[in-house]
Amino acid sequence: MDRAFGLLLLVVYVTLIVGLAAGVTFVMIKLFPVKTKPDKPDEPSNDGNGPAGRLFRRAKREAT
């Protein structure tokens, strides 16, 4: 019986911690909302190595 009560208290404790975190998150979002439309993003730089914004650039290979 003692183990069951301890397990029940642990479940209640975890539930309270998660609920507190959710409540704090909710309040922070309401106090400091995110802009609905972000400013125009900066254009990616083109350093002359192909199209701008490429994720993986080709390696420059030298002729051997």
N, C-alpha and C. Protein backbone atom coordinates (compact mmCIF):
# COMPACT_ATOMS: atom_id res chain seq x y z
N MET A 1 0.82 -1.19 0.00
CA MET A 1 0.00 0.00 0.00
C MET A 1 0.87 1.26 0.00
N ASP A 2 1.98 1.19 0.72
CA ASP A 2 2.89 2.32 0.81
C ASP A 2 3.50 2.64 -0.55
N ARG A 3 3.84 1.60 -1.34
CA ARG A 3 4.40 1.80 -2.68
C ARG A 3 3.38 2.44 -3.62
N ALA A 4 2.14 2.00 -3.52
CA ALA A 4 1.10 2.54 -4.40
C ALA A 4 0.87 4.03 -4.09
N PHE A 5 0.87 4.37 -2.82
CA PHE A 5 0.68 5.77 -2.44
C PHE A 5 1.87 6.62 -2.90
N GLY A 6 3.06 6.10 -2.77
CA GLY A 6 4.26 6.81 -3.23
C GLY A 6 4.25 7.00 -4.73
N LEU A 7 3.82 5.97 -5.47
CA LEU A 7 3.73 6.07 -6.92
C LEU A 7 2.67 7.10 -7.32
N LEU A 8 1.56 7.10 -6.62
CA LEU A 8 0.50 8.08 -6.89
C LEU A 8 1.00 9.50 -6.63
N LEU A 9 1.74 9.71 -5.55
CA LEU A 9 2.30 11.03 -5.27
C LEU A 9 3.31 11.45 -6.34
N LEU A 10 4.08 10.50 -6.84
CA LEU A 10 5.04 10.80 -7.89
C LEU A 10 4.32 11.23 -9.17
N VAL A 11 3.25 10.55 -9.52
CA VAL A 11 2.47 10.90 -10.70
C VAL A 11 1.86 12.30 -10.53
N VAL A 12 1.35 12.60 -9.36
CA VAL A 12 0.77 13.92 -9.11
C VAL A 12 1.84 14.99 -9.19
N TYR A 13 3.02 14.71 -8.65
CA TYR A 13 4.12 15.67 -8.68
C TYR A 13 4.55 15.96 -10.12
N VAL A 14 4.71 14.93 -10.92
CA VAL A 14 5.11 15.12 -12.32
C VAL A 14 4.04 15.90 -13.07
N THR A 15 2.77 15.57 -12.82
CA THR A 15 1.67 16.28 -13.47
C THR A 15 1.66 17.76 -13.09
N LEU A 16 1.93 18.06 -11.84
CA LEU A 16 1.98 19.46 -11.41
C LEU A 16 3.15 20.21 -12.06
N ILE A 17 4.30 19.58 -12.18
CA ILE A 17 5.46 20.22 -12.79
C ILE A 17 5.19 20.51 -14.26
N VAL A 18 4.63 19.53 -14.98
CA VAL A 18 4.32 19.72 -16.40
C VAL A 18 3.25 20.80 -16.56
N GLY A 19 2.25 20.80 -15.70
CA GLY A 19 1.21 21.81 -15.75
C GLY A 19 1.75 23.20 -15.47
N LEU A 20 2.66 23.31 -14.52
CA LEU A 20 3.28 24.59 -14.21
C LEU A 20 4.10 25.09 -15.40
N ALA A 21 4.85 24.21 -16.03
CA ALA A 21 5.63 24.61 -17.20
C ALA A 21 4.72 25.06 -18.34
N ALA A 22 3.63 24.34 -18.55
CA ALA A 22 2.68 24.73 -19.60
C ALA A 22 2.04 26.08 -19.27
N GLY A 23 1.71 26.31 -18.03
CA GLY A 23 1.11 27.58 -17.63
C GLY A 23 2.06 28.75 -17.82
N VAL A 24 3.31 28.57 -17.42
CA VAL A 24 4.30 29.63 -17.59
C VAL A 24 4.51 29.91 -19.08
N THR A 25 4.58 28.86 -19.90
CA THR A 25 4.74 29.04 -21.33
C THR A 25 3.57 29.80 -21.92
N PHE A 26 2.36 29.45 -21.52
CA PHE A 26 1.16 30.11 -22.02
C PHE A 26 1.17 31.60 -21.65
N VAL A 27 1.51 31.91 -20.40
CA VAL A 27 1.54 33.30 -19.95
C VAL A 27 2.60 34.08 -20.71
N MET A 28 3.78 33.50 -20.92
CA MET A 28 4.84 34.20 -21.63
C MET A 28 4.46 34.47 -23.08
N ILE A 29 3.76 33.54 -23.71
CA ILE A 29 3.32 33.74 -25.09
C ILE A 29 2.28 34.85 -25.14
N LYS A 30 1.40 34.93 -24.14
CA LYS A 30 0.40 35.98 -24.12
C LYS A 30 1.01 37.34 -23.83
N LEU A 31 2.03 37.40 -22.99
CA LEU A 31 2.66 38.67 -22.66
C LEU A 31 3.57 39.17 -23.77
N PHE A 32 4.30 38.28 -24.42
CA PHE A 32 5.27 38.64 -25.45
C PHE A 32 4.97 37.86 -26.72
N PRO A 33 3.94 38.28 -27.46
CA PRO A 33 3.60 37.54 -28.68
C PRO A 33 4.64 37.73 -29.77
N VAL A 34 4.70 36.76 -30.67
CA VAL A 34 5.62 36.81 -31.80
C VAL A 34 4.97 37.61 -32.91
N LYS A 35 5.77 38.32 -33.69
CA LYS A 35 5.24 39.04 -34.83
C LYS A 35 4.54 38.06 -35.76
N THR A 36 3.38 38.45 -36.27
CA THR A 36 2.67 37.55 -37.18
C THR A 36 3.31 37.53 -38.56
N LYS A 37 3.89 38.65 -38.98
CA LYS A 37 4.56 38.70 -40.27
C LYS A 37 5.97 39.22 -40.05
N PRO A 38 6.97 38.36 -40.21
CA PRO A 38 8.34 38.82 -39.97
C PRO A 38 8.79 39.80 -41.04
N ASP A 39 9.79 40.60 -40.69
CA ASP A 39 10.36 41.54 -41.65
C ASP A 39 10.93 40.78 -42.84
N LYS A 40 11.15 41.50 -43.94
CA LYS A 40 11.70 40.88 -45.14
C LYS A 40 13.08 40.32 -44.81
N PRO A 41 13.31 39.04 -45.07
CA PRO A 41 14.63 38.47 -44.75
C PRO A 41 15.71 39.01 -45.68
N ASP A 42 16.92 39.05 -45.19
CA ASP A 42 18.05 39.50 -45.99
C ASP A 42 18.29 38.52 -47.13
N GLU A 43 18.75 39.06 -48.24
CA GLU A 43 19.08 38.21 -49.38
C GLU A 43 20.36 37.43 -49.06
N PRO A 44 20.41 36.16 -49.44
CA PRO A 44 21.64 35.40 -49.21
C PRO A 44 22.78 35.96 -50.06
N SER A 45 23.96 35.93 -49.51
CA SER A 45 25.10 36.50 -50.22
C SER A 45 25.52 35.59 -51.36
N ASN A 46 25.95 36.20 -52.44
CA ASN A 46 26.45 35.46 -53.59
C ASN A 46 27.92 35.77 -53.69
N ASP A 47 28.75 34.80 -53.30
CA ASP A 47 30.19 35.02 -53.30
C ASP A 47 30.85 34.52 -54.58
N GLY A 48 30.07 34.30 -55.64
CA GLY A 48 30.63 33.91 -56.92
C GLY A 48 30.83 32.42 -57.09
N ASN A 49 30.36 31.62 -56.17
CA ASN A 49 30.53 30.17 -56.25
C ASN A 49 29.25 29.48 -56.68
N GLY A 50 28.56 30.02 -57.62
CA GLY A 50 27.33 29.37 -58.08
C GLY A 50 26.11 30.10 -57.55
N PRO A 51 24.96 29.44 -57.66
CA PRO A 51 23.72 30.10 -57.23
C PRO A 51 23.73 30.40 -55.74
N ALA A 52 23.14 31.53 -55.38
CA ALA A 52 23.09 31.93 -53.98
C ALA A 52 22.13 31.03 -53.22
N GLY A 53 22.43 30.78 -51.97
CA GLY A 53 21.54 30.01 -51.13
C GLY A 53 21.67 28.51 -51.28
N ARG A 54 22.68 28.04 -51.95
CA ARG A 54 22.85 26.60 -52.13
C ARG A 54 23.31 25.99 -50.81
N LEU A 55 22.72 24.87 -50.44
CA LEU A 55 23.04 24.26 -49.16
C LEU A 55 24.42 23.62 -49.19
N PHE A 56 24.68 22.81 -50.20
CA PHE A 56 25.97 22.15 -50.32
C PHE A 56 26.65 22.66 -51.58
N ARG A 57 27.79 23.27 -51.41
CA ARG A 57 28.51 23.79 -52.57
C ARG A 57 29.47 22.73 -53.07
N ARG A 58 29.69 22.71 -54.37
CA ARG A 58 30.63 21.76 -54.95
C ARG A 58 32.03 22.14 -54.55
N ALA A 59 32.82 21.12 -54.28
CA ALA A 59 34.21 21.36 -53.93
C ALA A 59 34.98 21.74 -55.19
N LYS A 60 35.91 22.65 -55.04
CA LYS A 60 36.75 23.03 -56.18
C LYS A 60 37.84 21.99 -56.31
N ARG A 61 37.82 21.30 -57.44
CA ARG A 61 38.82 20.26 -57.66
C ARG A 61 39.86 20.78 -58.65
N GLU A 62 41.09 20.49 -58.34
CA GLU A 62 42.17 20.89 -59.22
C GLU A 62 42.53 19.73 -60.14
N ALA A 63 42.90 20.05 -61.38
CA ALA A 63 43.29 19.01 -62.34
C ALA A 63 44.64 18.45 -61.93
N THR A 64 44.72 17.14 -61.89
CA THR A 64 46.00 16.50 -61.50
C THR A 64 46.65 15.83 -62.67
